[in-house]
Protein backbone atom coordinates (compact mmCIF):
# COMPACT_ATOMS: atom_id res chain seq x y z
CA MET A 1 6.45 6.93 -5.97
CA GLU A 2 9.32 4.48 -6.11
CA ASP A 3 8.05 2.46 -3.12
CA PHE A 4 4.61 2.20 -4.69
CA LEU A 5 5.95 1.01 -8.05
CA TRP A 6 8.21 -1.59 -6.45
CA ALA A 7 5.37 -2.76 -4.18
CA CYS A 8 3.25 -3.40 -7.29
CA HIS A 9 6.02 -5.29 -9.05
CA THR A 10 6.94 -7.34 -5.97
CA THR A 11 3.32 -8.28 -5.34
CA ILE A 12 2.93 -9.48 -8.93
CA LYS A 13 6.14 -11.50 -8.85
CA GLU A 14 5.46 -13.08 -5.44
CA SER A 15 1.87 -14.00 -6.25
CA GLY A 16 2.81 -15.96 -9.35
CA ALA A 17 2.75 -13.72 -12.41
CA GLU A 18 1.56 -16.43 -14.82
CA GLU A 19 -1.51 -17.38 -12.83
CA LEU A 20 -2.30 -13.77 -11.93
CA ALA A 21 -1.97 -12.62 -15.54
CA GLY A 22 -4.34 -15.40 -16.62
CA LYS A 23 -6.95 -14.16 -14.16
CA MET A 24 -6.46 -10.66 -15.56
CA CYS A 25 -6.73 -11.90 -19.19
CA MET A 26 -3.27 -10.80 -20.22
CA ALA A 27 0.12 -12.34 -20.93
CA HIS A 28 2.34 -12.72 -17.87
CA VAL A 29 5.30 -11.18 -19.72
CA SER A 30 3.21 -8.11 -20.44
CA LEU A 31 2.10 -7.85 -16.81
CA LEU A 32 5.68 -8.13 -15.57
CA GLN A 33 6.91 -5.55 -18.08
CA ARG A 34 4.11 -3.13 -17.23
CA SER A 35 4.79 -3.42 -13.51
CA ASN A 36 8.59 -3.24 -13.69
CA PRO A 37 9.79 0.18 -12.45
CA GLY A 38 13.15 -0.55 -14.11
CA ASN A 39 11.45 -0.60 -17.52
CA ALA A 40 11.37 2.97 -18.89
CA ALA A 41 8.24 2.19 -20.89
CA HIS A 42 6.31 0.64 -17.99
CA HIS A 43 2.74 1.75 -17.56
CA LEU A 44 0.60 -0.19 -15.13
CA THR A 45 -2.92 1.19 -15.45
CA ILE A 46 -5.40 1.68 -12.64
CA GLU A 47 -7.38 -1.24 -14.07
CA HIS A 48 -4.28 -3.43 -13.81
CA LEU A 49 -3.69 -2.29 -10.23
CA PHE A 50 -7.30 -3.07 -9.36
CA GLY A 51 -6.92 -6.54 -10.88
CA VAL A 52 -3.74 -7.16 -8.89
CA LEU A 53 -5.41 -6.11 -5.63
CA LEU A 54 -8.58 -8.08 -6.40
CA HIS A 55 -6.91 -11.34 -7.37
CA THR A 56 -4.02 -11.36 -4.88
CA GLN A 57 -5.75 -9.74 -1.90
CA ASP A 58 -2.26 -8.34 -1.20
CA MET A 59 -2.68 -4.71 -0.21
CA ARG A 60 1.02 -3.76 -0.14
CA PRO A 61 0.68 -1.62 -3.28
CA LEU A 62 -2.32 0.21 -1.80
CA ALA A 63 -0.50 0.69 1.52
CA ALA A 64 2.58 2.01 -0.30
CA LEU A 65 0.45 4.44 -2.31
CA ALA A 66 -1.30 5.69 0.82
CA GLY A 67 2.08 6.00 2.55
CA GLU A 68 3.35 8.24 -0.26
CA PHE A 69 0.69 10.77 0.83
CA GLY A 70 1.15 10.31 4.57
CA TYR A 71 -1.80 7.97 5.08
CA SER A 72 -2.13 4.38 6.18
CA ILE A 73 -4.85 1.86 5.44
CA LEU A 74 -6.84 -0.24 7.86
CA LYS A 75 -9.11 -3.10 6.99
CA LYS A 76 -12.66 -2.28 7.98
CA GLU A 77 -14.59 -5.02 9.71
CA GLN A 78 -17.72 -5.82 7.74
CA PRO A 79 -20.95 -6.03 9.75
CA VAL A 80 -22.55 -9.43 10.14
CA ALA A 81 -25.85 -9.73 8.31
CA LEU A 82 -28.90 -10.60 10.41
CA GLY A 83 -32.49 -11.20 9.52
CA ILE A 84 -33.94 -7.94 8.22
CA HIS A 85 -36.50 -7.65 11.01
CA GLU A 86 -33.87 -8.21 13.69
CA ALA A 87 -31.49 -5.71 12.06
CA LEU A 88 -34.28 -3.14 11.69
CA GLY A 89 -35.25 -3.60 15.34
CA ARG A 90 -31.67 -3.04 16.44
CA ALA A 91 -31.32 0.08 14.29
CA THR A 92 -34.60 1.46 15.62
CA LEU A 93 -33.56 0.81 19.22
CA GLU A 94 -30.18 2.49 18.71
CA PHE A 95 -31.78 5.54 17.08
CA ALA A 96 -34.24 5.77 19.98
CA GLU A 97 -31.30 5.75 22.39
CA VAL A 98 -29.71 8.65 20.46
CA THR A 99 -32.99 10.53 20.73
CA VAL A 100 -33.39 9.87 24.48
CA GLU A 101 -29.77 10.81 25.25
CA THR A 102 -30.00 14.01 23.20
CA HIS A 103 -33.29 15.11 24.77
CA ALA A 104 -31.94 14.40 28.26
CA ALA A 105 -28.79 16.39 27.54
CA MET A 106 -30.76 19.36 26.23
CA ALA A 107 -33.15 19.50 29.19
CA ASP A 108 -31.19 22.38 30.72
CA GLY A 109 -30.75 24.14 27.36
CA ARG A 110 -27.10 23.24 26.81
CA VAL A 111 -24.92 20.19 26.18
CA ASP A 112 -21.81 19.76 28.33
CA GLN A 113 -18.74 17.61 27.59
CA VAL A 114 -20.00 14.51 29.37
CA GLU A 115 -23.38 14.72 27.66
CA ARG A 116 -21.70 15.28 24.29
CA ALA A 117 -19.60 12.15 24.81
CA ARG A 118 -22.71 10.11 25.66
CA ILE A 119 -24.56 11.39 22.58
CA LEU A 120 -21.59 10.64 20.32
CA LYS A 121 -21.33 7.14 21.78
CA GLU A 122 -25.00 6.49 21.03
CA ILE A 123 -24.57 7.90 17.51
CA ALA A 124 -21.68 5.47 16.94
CA HIS A 125 -23.91 2.59 18.07
CA ALA A 126 -26.66 3.77 15.71
CA GLU A 127 -24.19 3.97 12.81
CA GLU A 128 -23.06 0.40 13.49
CA ALA A 129 -26.67 -0.77 13.60
CA LEU A 130 -27.44 0.99 10.30
CA ALA A 131 -24.39 -0.63 8.69
CA GLN A 132 -25.63 -3.99 9.93
CA LEU A 133 -29.09 -3.26 8.54
CA LYS A 134 -27.54 -2.33 5.19
CA ALA A 135 -25.56 -5.60 5.13
CA SER A 136 -28.70 -7.52 6.02
CA VAL A 137 -30.71 -5.94 3.21
CA LYS A 138 -27.94 -6.67 0.68
CA VAL A 139 -28.03 -10.42 1.38
CA ALA A 140 -31.80 -10.68 1.56
């Protein structure tokens, strides 16, 4: 917990507490006191943490919190939005490829390791295409 608390405090101090606090609609002294692990009365709320992450884009506190539980964080690449028709066409094609690969694999009544790998690869492509379709619909 100590690493997480110090990561929050360090992020706030290094990002410019006065400007950050202004964006979060609070006094910078209050923000520094709330984030200071050396202050026995400190209490940085989840809303404060969210504001720090949002306004600084510094994910050290989040990485430290994940690390406390044995996890790590990775930034997920966001799909590029296309025209809706193009994105829908791609998603449809990828789903058709999943269908074809699965039917071919099941022709003999069972799915072996190689066939399973091919099906899973096509499913991954279909998931990417659906994510791209979702992104395309959001911006339309």
